[in-house]
């Protein structure tokens, strides 16, 4: 292992590349002449310029004539030498890039420019040679398919019609956007979707840059308990009991209000803090909403919405991939969409930049009359995972409780249930074997001796049923 990448070591790197051009080809994506000693930078630059123009490295005579540096090939190199070169050149590049990033960061900090610092350091640390050869398509189709559906595949939205449109639901690591006009219910859709996932046993975070934590939670209370906010205010104890009972069977949930103009780093820091302090494994994140988030990587004028949303969308999508989570956010439709019944990309505030980055984009079409009739319409504006673009679905809306549901007119959920794996023999035996309790409420109130009686009664009933079956078979 090399500890000091001095002039001789750097010259050795260049001589090995000159000897075997394949080595240069394998490291060219991370090679930067600025990482070399000043005396060798002209050689590194010549390697790049000559190879790009003539598709071959210069020979030692050309190098001597142009740069004045003597560089001779090395005889008898073998694969062991190649492995050493690749390992050490990667370490050398990473160290040099990190040193230069730290120096740049110091200058930025003195100027009070904190945003780009993290990206500089992160980019330097992540430098590496490409060792992942990708997926061997024909090698293990079953394992490849199972990996997709088990680790990053579709997760049901809780709305069967939307699941059908998306061929199963949303996927982890993707960016999903619900777009709507002012007052169309973007936040309501996201809150309802969060509750759907919570009741599937997943845990998540709702980040609001617009509404207070208390109002967000109160609306969720109404949706979860089927009580209007007026009823909740009159009977707080009942709503509390309902929320706690449902919470026992749901995933964990945090609601956090962040200031408008927060950036993705603030969101990332909060998520890490939640996981460290509470131990929650975050499955989904709702960001309410994209238009109020500022980019980390560049300084932009907040009025330049196209550029701002481009960077924010990319950073949110990168966050979803980095953490392997379901990420949903919302965006504003512009004024031209007010009178429209069909949405397209031109109706998104800020233009096409966020559409290009997102994996799924949906327009929320509703009006006061529709809400009073109990109808919410979702229009698919973009989807990378299905052919649902242009299709619409109608969901049911309760104007009192703000709950959005799906009566599944096509029976999609039932169809999907048929394809789920059948219960194993152990599952069946677990269902019919003696149980110590009847339900949660019995478990909390029945004393140990009473539990034994309940178990004995169930066991006796089971023996009687088995005896009857045996008698019929005989």
Protein backbone atom coordinates (compact mmCIF):
# COMPACT_ATOMS: atom_id res chain seq x y z
CA UNK A 1 0.00 0.00 0.00
CA UNK A 2 1.39 3.38 -1.06
CA UNK A 3 1.29 6.09 1.62
CA UNK A 4 3.09 8.86 -0.25
CA UNK A 5 2.08 9.43 -3.86
CA UNK A 6 5.26 11.33 -4.68
CA UNK A 7 6.62 12.33 -8.09
CA UNK A 8 8.13 8.89 -8.75
CA UNK A 9 4.86 7.07 -8.02
CA UNK A 10 2.87 9.46 -10.20
CA UNK A 11 5.38 8.98 -13.03
CA UNK A 12 5.05 5.20 -12.57
CA UNK A 13 1.27 5.52 -13.05
CA UNK A 14 1.79 7.30 -16.38
CA UNK A 15 4.43 4.78 -17.52
CA UNK A 16 2.07 1.88 -16.79
CA UNK A 17 -0.70 3.56 -18.82
CA UNK A 18 1.76 4.13 -21.65
CA UNK A 19 2.73 0.44 -21.54
CA UNK A 20 -0.86 -0.81 -21.60
CA UNK A 21 -3.42 1.60 -23.07
CA UNK A 22 -6.20 -0.56 -21.61
CA UNK A 23 -5.22 0.69 -18.14
CA UNK A 24 -5.67 4.27 -19.30
CA UNK A 25 -9.09 3.41 -20.74
CA UNK A 26 -10.20 1.93 -17.41
CA UNK A 27 -9.21 5.00 -15.35
CA UNK A 28 -9.88 7.84 -17.79
CA UNK A 29 -13.28 8.62 -16.22
CA UNK A 30 -11.63 9.62 -12.90
CA UNK A 31 -8.29 10.92 -14.23
CA UNK A 32 -7.67 14.65 -13.84
CA UNK A 33 -4.35 16.25 -14.76
CA UNK A 34 -4.72 18.65 -11.79
CA UNK A 35 -4.12 15.71 -9.44
CA UNK A 36 -0.57 15.24 -10.78
CA UNK A 37 2.60 17.12 -9.94
CA UNK A 38 3.02 20.30 -12.01
CA UNK A 39 5.88 18.75 -13.98
CA UNK A 40 3.65 15.83 -15.07
CA UNK A 41 0.43 17.70 -15.82
CA UNK A 42 1.41 18.38 -19.48
CA UNK A 43 1.83 14.61 -19.99
CA UNK A 44 -1.58 13.82 -18.46
CA UNK A 45 -3.18 16.52 -20.62
CA UNK A 46 -1.44 15.13 -23.70
CA UNK A 47 -2.75 11.63 -22.92
CA UNK A 48 -6.29 12.95 -22.92
CA UNK A 49 -6.05 15.25 -25.94
CA UNK A 50 -4.11 12.80 -28.13
CA UNK A 51 -6.35 9.81 -27.32
CA UNK A 52 -9.54 11.80 -27.96
CA UNK A 53 -8.28 13.09 -31.31
CA UNK A 54 -6.43 10.04 -32.65
CA UNK A 55 -7.92 7.16 -30.58
CA UNK A 56 -4.46 6.09 -29.45
CA UNK A 57 -2.01 7.16 -26.75
CA UNK A 58 1.13 9.05 -27.82
CA UNK A 59 4.42 7.13 -27.75
CA UNK A 60 7.43 8.04 -25.61
CA UNK A 61 9.13 9.93 -28.47
CA UNK A 62 6.10 12.17 -29.02
CA UNK A 63 5.78 12.79 -25.29
CA UNK A 64 9.47 13.81 -25.00
CA UNK A 65 9.21 16.12 -28.01
CA UNK A 66 6.03 17.90 -26.86
CA UNK A 67 6.40 18.01 -23.06
CA UNK A 68 10.12 17.46 -22.46
CA UNK A 69 9.34 14.59 -20.06
CA UNK A 70 11.07 11.25 -20.57
CA UNK A 71 8.56 8.47 -20.15
CA UNK A 72 9.48 4.92 -21.12
CA UNK A 73 7.20 1.85 -21.18
CA UNK A 74 7.73 -0.90 -18.59
CA UNK A 75 8.63 -4.39 -19.69
CA UNK A 76 7.00 -7.61 -18.38
CA UNK A 77 3.85 -6.21 -16.78
CA UNK A 78 1.28 -8.84 -15.77
CA UNK A 79 -2.23 -8.91 -14.31
CA UNK A 80 -0.94 -8.64 -10.75
CA UNK A 81 0.68 -5.34 -11.67
CA UNK A 82 -2.56 -4.20 -13.31
CA UNK A 83 -4.58 -4.91 -10.16
CA UNK A 84 -2.06 -2.94 -8.08
CA UNK A 85 -2.26 0.00 -10.49
CA UNK A 86 -6.08 0.14 -10.49
CA UNK A 87 -6.29 -0.04 -6.69
CA UNK A 88 -3.59 2.54 -6.02
CA UNK A 89 -4.62 4.95 -8.79
CA UNK A 90 -8.16 5.04 -7.37
CA UNK A 91 -6.82 5.85 -3.88
CA UNK A 92 -4.44 8.46 -5.30
CA UNK A 93 -7.23 10.19 -7.24
CA UNK A 94 -9.62 10.13 -4.31
CA UNK A 95 -7.02 11.61 -1.94
CA UNK A 96 -5.98 14.34 -4.37
CA UNK A 97 -9.59 15.29 -5.15
CA UNK A 98 -10.45 15.40 -1.46
CA UNK A 99 -7.49 17.65 -0.69
CA UNK A 100 -8.48 20.07 -3.44
CA UNK A 101 -12.13 19.96 -2.33
CA UNK A 102 -11.14 20.86 1.25
CA UNK A 103 -9.11 23.83 0.02
CA UNK A 104 -12.02 25.04 -2.13
CA UNK A 105 -14.42 24.52 0.77
CA UNK A 106 -12.28 26.71 3.03
CA UNK A 107 -12.48 29.54 0.50
CA UNK A 108 -16.24 29.14 0.18
CA UNK A 109 -16.72 29.13 3.95
CA UNK A 110 -14.78 32.39 4.23
CA UNK A 111 -17.16 33.93 1.69
CA UNK A 112 -20.19 32.58 3.58
CA UNK A 113 -21.18 30.25 0.72
CA UNK A 114 -22.15 27.09 2.63
CA UNK A 115 -24.42 25.36 0.11
CA UNK A 116 -21.80 23.97 -2.33
CA UNK A 117 -19.44 22.74 0.41
CA UNK A 118 -21.21 19.46 1.10
CA UNK A 119 -21.44 18.63 -2.60
CA UNK A 120 -17.72 19.30 -3.09
CA UNK A 121 -16.71 16.94 -0.29
CA UNK A 122 -19.32 14.33 -1.19
CA UNK A 123 -18.26 14.23 -4.85
CA UNK A 124 -14.61 13.79 -3.85
CA UNK A 125 -15.35 10.97 -1.41
CA UNK A 126 -17.54 9.11 -3.91
CA UNK A 127 -14.89 8.95 -6.65
CA UNK A 128 -14.29 5.34 -7.65
CA UNK A 129 -13.57 3.15 -10.62
CA UNK A 130 -16.50 1.39 -12.24
CA UNK A 131 -16.36 -2.15 -10.85
CA UNK A 132 -20.05 -3.01 -11.04
CA UNK A 133 -20.58 -4.80 -14.35
CA UNK A 134 -24.35 -4.40 -14.16
CA UNK A 135 -27.01 -7.09 -14.32
CA UNK A 136 -26.33 -10.26 -16.30
CA UNK A 137 -29.74 -10.40 -17.94
CA UNK A 138 -29.84 -14.13 -18.73
CA UNK A 139 -28.02 -15.41 -15.63
CA UNK A 140 -30.80 -15.46 -13.02
CA UNK A 141 -34.18 -14.17 -14.28
CA UNK A 142 -36.06 -15.37 -11.19
CA UNK A 143 -33.65 -13.72 -8.77
CA UNK A 144 -33.65 -10.52 -10.83
CA UNK A 145 -37.46 -10.34 -10.87
CA UNK A 146 -37.77 -11.16 -7.16
CA UNK A 147 -35.19 -8.50 -6.32
CA UNK A 148 -37.26 -5.87 -8.12
CA UNK A 149 -40.59 -6.77 -6.54
CA UNK A 150 -39.21 -7.48 -3.04
CA UNK A 151 -36.82 -4.56 -2.62
CA UNK A 152 -37.90 -1.82 -4.94
CA UNK A 153 -41.04 -3.04 -6.64
CA UNK A 154 -44.53 -1.67 -6.52
CA UNK A 155 -46.17 -0.78 -3.22
CA UNK A 156 -49.95 -0.47 -3.23
CA UNK A 157 -51.28 3.06 -2.86
CA UNK A 158 -54.39 1.76 -1.09
CA UNK A 159 -56.45 2.93 -4.07
CA UNK A 160 -56.96 -0.12 -6.32
CA UNK A 161 -57.81 1.94 -9.41
CA UNK A 162 -54.53 3.86 -9.14
CA UNK A 163 -52.64 0.61 -8.50
CA UNK A 164 -54.14 -0.84 -11.68
CA UNK A 165 -53.14 2.22 -13.69
CA UNK A 166 -49.54 1.91 -12.38
CA UNK A 167 -49.33 -1.89 -12.74
CA UNK A 168 -49.19 -2.33 -8.98
CA UNK A 169 -48.49 0.99 -7.26
CA UNK A 170 -45.55 3.26 -6.48
CA UNK A 171 -41.91 2.12 -6.31
CA UNK A 172 -39.18 2.95 -3.83
CA UNK A 173 -36.48 5.30 -5.04
CA UNK A 174 -38.80 7.18 -7.39
CA UNK A 175 -40.22 10.70 -7.39
CA UNK A 176 -44.01 10.96 -7.51
CA UNK A 177 -45.78 14.30 -7.93
CA UNK A 178 -49.44 15.27 -7.47
CA UNK A 179 -50.14 18.56 -9.23
CA UNK A 180 -53.17 20.72 -8.57
CA UNK A 181 -54.37 24.28 -8.50
CA UNK A 182 -54.64 26.35 -5.35
CA UNK A 183 -57.23 24.76 -3.04
CA UNK A 184 -57.52 21.59 -5.13
CA UNK A 185 -56.53 19.36 -2.24
CA UNK A 186 -52.90 18.45 -2.95
CA UNK A 187 -52.18 18.16 0.77
CA UNK A 188 -55.35 16.13 1.35
CA UNK A 189 -54.35 13.60 -1.30
CA UNK A 190 -50.90 13.22 0.26
CA UNK A 191 -52.30 12.90 3.80
CA UNK A 192 -54.76 10.23 2.65
CA UNK A 193 -52.03 8.33 0.84
CA UNK A 194 -49.83 8.48 3.96
CA UNK A 195 -52.66 7.01 6.05
CA UNK A 196 -53.17 4.24 3.48
CA UNK A 197 -49.52 3.25 3.84
CA UNK A 198 -49.59 3.53 7.63
CA UNK A 199 -52.51 1.11 7.75
CA UNK A 200 -50.49 -1.29 5.59
CA UNK A 201 -47.93 -1.35 8.42
CA UNK A 202 -45.36 0.98 6.89
CA UNK A 203 -43.76 3.86 8.80
CA UNK A 204 -43.19 7.31 7.43
CA UNK A 205 -42.76 11.05 7.75
CA UNK A 206 -44.94 13.92 6.58
CA UNK A 207 -42.92 17.09 6.02
CA UNK A 208 -44.94 20.26 5.60
CA UNK A 209 -43.46 23.52 4.38
CA UNK A 210 -46.84 25.20 4.36
CA UNK A 211 -49.23 23.89 7.05
CA UNK A 212 -48.57 23.68 10.77
CA UNK A 213 -47.97 20.32 12.42
CA UNK A 214 -51.15 20.71 14.48
CA UNK A 215 -53.40 21.38 11.47
CA UNK A 216 -51.85 18.55 9.49
CA UNK A 217 -52.42 16.18 12.40
CA UNK A 218 -56.00 17.41 12.96
CA UNK A 219 -56.90 16.72 9.33
CA UNK A 220 -55.34 13.27 9.64
CA UNK A 221 -57.41 12.71 12.80
CA UNK A 222 -60.60 13.41 10.86
CA UNK A 223 -59.61 11.05 8.05
CA UNK A 224 -58.58 8.28 10.41
CA UNK A 225 -61.48 8.43 12.87
CA UNK A 226 -64.28 9.21 10.36
CA UNK A 227 -65.17 12.22 12.52
CA UNK A 228 -65.40 15.77 11.22
CA UNK A 229 -63.13 18.38 12.80
CA UNK A 230 -66.24 19.87 14.48
CA UNK A 231 -67.08 16.48 16.01
CA UNK A 232 -63.49 16.05 17.15
CA UNK A 233 -63.56 19.40 18.91
CA UNK A 234 -66.77 18.44 20.72
CA UNK A 235 -65.56 14.98 21.69
CA UNK A 236 -61.78 14.97 21.94
CA UNK A 237 -61.65 11.91 24.22
CA UNK A 238 -63.44 9.70 21.68
CA UNK A 239 -61.21 10.82 18.83
CA UNK A 240 -58.14 10.22 21.00
CA UNK A 241 -59.30 6.68 21.77
CA UNK A 242 -59.93 5.92 18.09
CA UNK A 243 -56.54 7.29 16.99
CA UNK A 244 -54.70 5.26 19.64
CA UNK A 245 -56.57 2.06 18.78
CA UNK A 246 -55.83 2.41 15.07
CA UNK A 247 -52.25 3.38 15.89
CA UNK A 248 -51.65 -0.01 17.55
CA UNK A 249 -52.18 -1.72 14.20
CA UNK A 250 -50.39 0.87 12.05
CA UNK A 251 -46.83 1.89 11.28
CA UNK A 252 -45.11 4.75 13.08
CA UNK A 253 -45.68 8.30 11.87
CA UNK A 254 -44.01 11.66 12.37
CA UNK A 255 -45.34 15.02 11.18
CA UNK A 256 -42.75 17.78 10.88
CA UNK A 257 -43.15 21.41 9.82
CA UNK A 258 -40.09 22.96 8.18
CA UNK A 259 -39.75 26.59 7.12
CA UNK A 260 -40.55 27.42 3.50
CA UNK A 261 -37.37 27.69 1.40
CA UNK A 262 -35.79 24.76 3.27
CA UNK A 263 -33.57 22.53 1.13
CA UNK A 264 -33.12 18.80 0.67
CA UNK A 265 -30.22 18.76 3.15
CA UNK A 266 -32.60 19.96 5.87
CA UNK A 267 -34.99 17.13 4.97
CA UNK A 268 -32.17 14.57 4.90
CA UNK A 269 -30.84 15.74 8.29
CA UNK A 270 -34.28 15.50 9.85
CA UNK A 271 -34.86 11.98 8.49
CA UNK A 272 -31.49 10.81 9.85
CA UNK A 273 -32.25 12.36 13.23
CA UNK A 274 -35.65 10.62 13.34
CA UNK A 275 -34.06 7.27 12.59
CA UNK A 276 -31.31 7.76 15.18
CA UNK A 277 -33.49 9.07 18.02
CA UNK A 278 -36.61 6.92 17.52
CA UNK A 279 -35.31 3.86 15.69
CA UNK A 280 -38.05 4.22 13.07
CA UNK A 281 -37.26 2.62 9.72
CA UNK A 282 -38.69 5.22 7.36
CA UNK A 283 -40.55 3.62 4.44
CA UNK A 284 -42.12 6.73 2.94
CA UNK A 285 -41.71 10.52 2.97
CA UNK A 286 -44.30 13.08 1.92
CA UNK A 287 -42.94 16.55 1.09
CA UNK A 288 -45.66 19.20 1.06
CA UNK A 289 -44.65 20.64 -1.32
CA UNK A 290 -41.92 20.75 -4.02
CA UNK A 291 -42.42 24.37 -5.09
CA UNK A 292 -41.44 25.59 -1.59
CA UNK A 293 -38.12 23.66 -1.49
CA UNK A 294 -34.86 25.35 -2.50
CA UNK A 295 -31.93 23.58 -4.20
CA UNK A 296 -28.70 22.71 -2.40
CA UNK A 297 -26.28 22.38 -5.29
CA UNK A 298 -26.68 25.82 -6.85
CA UNK A 299 -27.74 29.33 -5.94
CA UNK A 300 -30.72 30.38 -7.99
CA UNK A 301 -33.15 33.25 -8.03
CA UNK A 302 -36.40 32.01 -6.40
CA UNK A 303 -38.24 33.67 -9.29
CA UNK A 304 -36.44 31.44 -11.81
CA UNK A 305 -38.79 28.57 -11.14
CA UNK A 306 -37.74 26.43 -14.11
CA UNK A 307 -34.11 26.14 -12.95
CA UNK A 308 -35.02 25.96 -9.27
CA UNK A 309 -37.51 23.12 -9.77
CA UNK A 310 -35.08 21.24 -12.01
CA UNK A 311 -32.46 21.02 -9.28
CA UNK A 312 -34.96 20.44 -6.46
CA UNK A 313 -36.63 17.59 -8.38
CA UNK A 314 -33.29 15.93 -9.07
CA UNK A 315 -32.21 16.27 -5.44
CA UNK A 316 -35.49 14.85 -4.12
CA UNK A 317 -35.28 11.91 -6.51
CA UNK A 318 -31.66 11.29 -5.48
CA UNK A 319 -32.78 11.34 -1.84
CA UNK A 320 -35.45 8.72 -2.57
CA UNK A 321 -32.87 6.48 -4.27
CA UNK A 322 -30.27 7.05 -1.55
CA UNK A 323 -32.65 6.04 1.26
CA UNK A 324 -34.69 3.50 -0.72
CA UNK A 325 -37.98 5.15 0.24
CA UNK A 326 -41.32 5.99 -1.32
CA UNK A 327 -41.27 9.73 -1.93
CA UNK A 328 -44.35 11.76 -2.80
CA UNK A 329 -44.60 15.50 -3.23
CA UNK A 330 -46.92 18.05 -4.81
CA UNK A 331 -46.69 20.92 -7.24
CA UNK A 332 -48.81 23.86 -8.26
CA UNK A 333 -50.69 24.05 -11.55
CA UNK A 334 -50.50 27.43 -13.26
CA UNK A 335 -53.37 29.79 -14.02
CA UNK A 336 -53.93 28.40 -17.51
CA UNK A 337 -55.13 25.14 -15.92
CA UNK A 338 -57.99 26.76 -13.99
CA UNK A 339 -60.64 26.35 -16.70
CA UNK A 340 -59.21 23.12 -18.16
CA UNK A 341 -60.62 19.62 -17.71
CA UNK A 342 -57.65 17.95 -19.39
CA UNK A 343 -54.18 18.63 -18.00
CA UNK A 344 -50.86 18.44 -19.85
CA UNK A 345 -47.24 19.38 -19.13
CA UNK A 346 -47.82 23.03 -20.03
CA UNK A 347 -50.13 23.40 -17.03
CA UNK A 348 -47.39 22.63 -14.49
CA UNK A 349 -46.07 25.75 -12.77
CA UNK A 350 -42.40 26.23 -13.62
CA UNK A 351 -42.65 24.24 -16.84
CA UNK A 352 -41.27 20.91 -17.98
CA UNK A 353 -38.19 20.64 -15.70
CA UNK A 354 -39.85 18.78 -12.83
CA UNK A 355 -41.89 16.63 -15.25
CA UNK A 356 -38.69 15.41 -16.91
CA UNK A 357 -37.24 14.28 -13.58
CA UNK A 358 -40.34 12.76 -11.96
CA UNK A 359 -41.26 9.12 -12.45
CA UNK A 360 -45.01 9.63 -12.03
CA UNK A 361 -47.01 12.85 -12.29
CA UNK A 362 -50.75 13.15 -11.59
CA UNK A 363 -53.12 16.05 -12.00
CA UNK A 364 -55.81 16.57 -9.37
CA UNK A 365 -59.04 17.69 -10.99
CA UNK A 366 -61.85 18.71 -8.69
CA UNK A 367 -64.23 21.56 -8.01
CA UNK A 368 -66.44 22.54 -5.13
CA UNK A 369 -69.41 20.93 -6.86
CA UNK A 370 -67.46 17.69 -7.38
CA UNK A 371 -66.31 17.64 -3.76
CA UNK A 372 -69.85 18.15 -2.56
CA UNK A 373 -70.86 15.19 -4.74
CA UNK A 374 -68.00 13.24 -3.19
CA UNK A 375 -65.74 12.94 -6.25
CA UNK A 376 -61.98 13.45 -6.69
CA UNK A 377 -60.52 12.85 -10.15
CA UNK A 378 -56.87 11.88 -10.64
CA UNK A 379 -55.38 12.23 -14.12
CA UNK A 380 -52.12 10.49 -15.08
CA UNK A 381 -49.86 13.02 -16.81
CA UNK A 382 -46.66 10.96 -16.84
CA UNK A 383 -45.64 7.44 -15.85
CA UNK A 384 -42.38 5.62 -16.47
CA UNK A 385 -43.66 2.30 -15.16
CA UNK A 386 -46.92 1.96 -17.09
CA UNK A 387 -48.91 3.02 -20.14
CA UNK A 388 -51.46 4.91 -18.04
CA UNK A 389 -50.68 8.40 -19.39
CA UNK A 390 -53.90 10.23 -20.19
CA UNK A 391 -56.11 7.91 -18.15
CA UNK A 392 -58.36 9.15 -15.34
CA UNK A 393 -59.74 7.59 -12.21
CA UNK A 394 -62.53 8.80 -9.93
CA UNK A 395 -62.07 8.44 -6.17
CA UNK A 396 -64.68 8.93 -3.45
CA UNK A 397 -64.36 11.93 -1.15
CA UNK A 398 -66.09 12.52 2.18
CA UNK A 399 -66.42 16.29 2.56
CA UNK A 400 -66.87 16.02 6.35
CA UNK A 401 -63.91 13.78 7.18
CA UNK A 402 -61.77 14.63 4.11
CA UNK A 403 -61.14 10.91 3.57
CA UNK A 404 -60.43 9.82 -0.01
CA UNK A 405 -61.30 6.20 -0.77
CA UNK A 406 -61.72 3.88 -3.73
CA UNK A 407 -64.66 1.52 -4.14
CA UNK A 408 -62.65 -0.45 -6.75
CA UNK A 409 -65.40 -0.85 -9.38
CA UNK A 410 -63.29 -3.24 -11.46
CA UNK A 411 -62.43 -5.50 -8.54
CA UNK A 412 -58.68 -5.04 -9.10
CA UNK A 413 -57.74 -5.64 -5.45
CA UNK A 414 -59.62 -8.95 -5.45
CA UNK A 415 -57.93 -10.00 -8.68
CA UNK A 416 -54.51 -9.24 -7.21
CA UNK A 417 -55.31 -11.20 -4.07
CA UNK A 418 -55.70 -14.33 -6.18
CA UNK A 419 -52.06 -14.12 -7.22
CA UNK A 420 -50.72 -13.87 -3.68
CA UNK A 421 -48.94 -16.96 -2.35
CA UNK A 422 -51.25 -19.44 -0.65
CA UNK A 423 -50.91 -20.00 3.08
CA UNK A 424 -48.34 -22.60 4.01
CA UNK A 425 -49.16 -25.66 6.09
CA UNK A 426 -47.64 -23.93 9.14
CA UNK A 427 -49.88 -20.89 8.61
CA UNK A 428 -52.96 -23.13 8.50
CA UNK A 429 -51.92 -24.98 11.66
CA UNK A 430 -51.26 -21.67 13.43
CA UNK A 431 -54.82 -20.61 12.61
CA UNK A 432 -56.48 -23.72 14.06
CA UNK A 433 -54.17 -24.44 17.03
CA UNK A 434 -55.38 -23.43 20.54
CA UNK A 435 -55.11 -19.70 21.17
CA UNK A 436 -54.58 -18.12 24.56
CA UNK A 437 -56.73 -15.08 23.81
CA UNK A 438 -59.77 -14.25 21.73
CA UNK A 439 -58.78 -10.68 20.79
CA UNK A 440 -56.80 -7.69 21.98
CA UNK A 441 -59.52 -6.52 24.35
CA UNK A 442 -59.73 -9.94 26.01
CA UNK A 443 -55.96 -10.03 26.34
CA UNK A 444 -55.96 -6.80 28.28
CA UNK A 445 -58.67 -7.77 30.77
CA UNK A 446 -58.61 -11.58 31.21
CA UNK A 447 -56.53 -12.96 34.07
CA UNK A 448 -54.09 -15.86 33.42
CA UNK A 449 -56.46 -18.47 34.88
CA UNK A 450 -59.30 -17.20 32.67
CA UNK A 451 -57.01 -17.33 29.62
CA UNK A 452 -56.38 -21.01 30.35
CA UNK A 453 -60.13 -21.66 30.43
CA UNK A 454 -60.57 -19.95 27.07
CA UNK A 455 -57.74 -22.05 25.63
CA UNK A 456 -59.22 -25.28 27.06
CA UNK A 457 -62.62 -24.49 25.56
CA UNK A 458 -61.08 -23.83 22.13
CA UNK A 459 -59.01 -27.01 22.35
CA UNK A 460 -62.08 -29.06 23.27
CA UNK A 461 -63.97 -27.58 20.35
CA UNK A 462 -61.13 -28.43 18.00
CA UNK A 463 -60.96 -32.06 19.21
CA UNK A 464 -64.72 -32.40 18.74
CA UNK A 465 -64.52 -31.01 15.18
CA UNK A 466 -61.67 -33.40 14.28
CA UNK A 467 -63.60 -36.34 15.70
CA UNK A 468 -66.62 -35.46 13.55
CA UNK A 469 -64.47 -35.26 10.41
CA UNK A 470 -62.86 -38.63 11.20
CA UNK A 471 -66.27 -40.21 11.76
CA UNK A 472 -67.55 -38.97 8.39
CA UNK A 473 -64.47 -40.30 6.58
CA UNK A 474 -64.95 -43.74 8.20
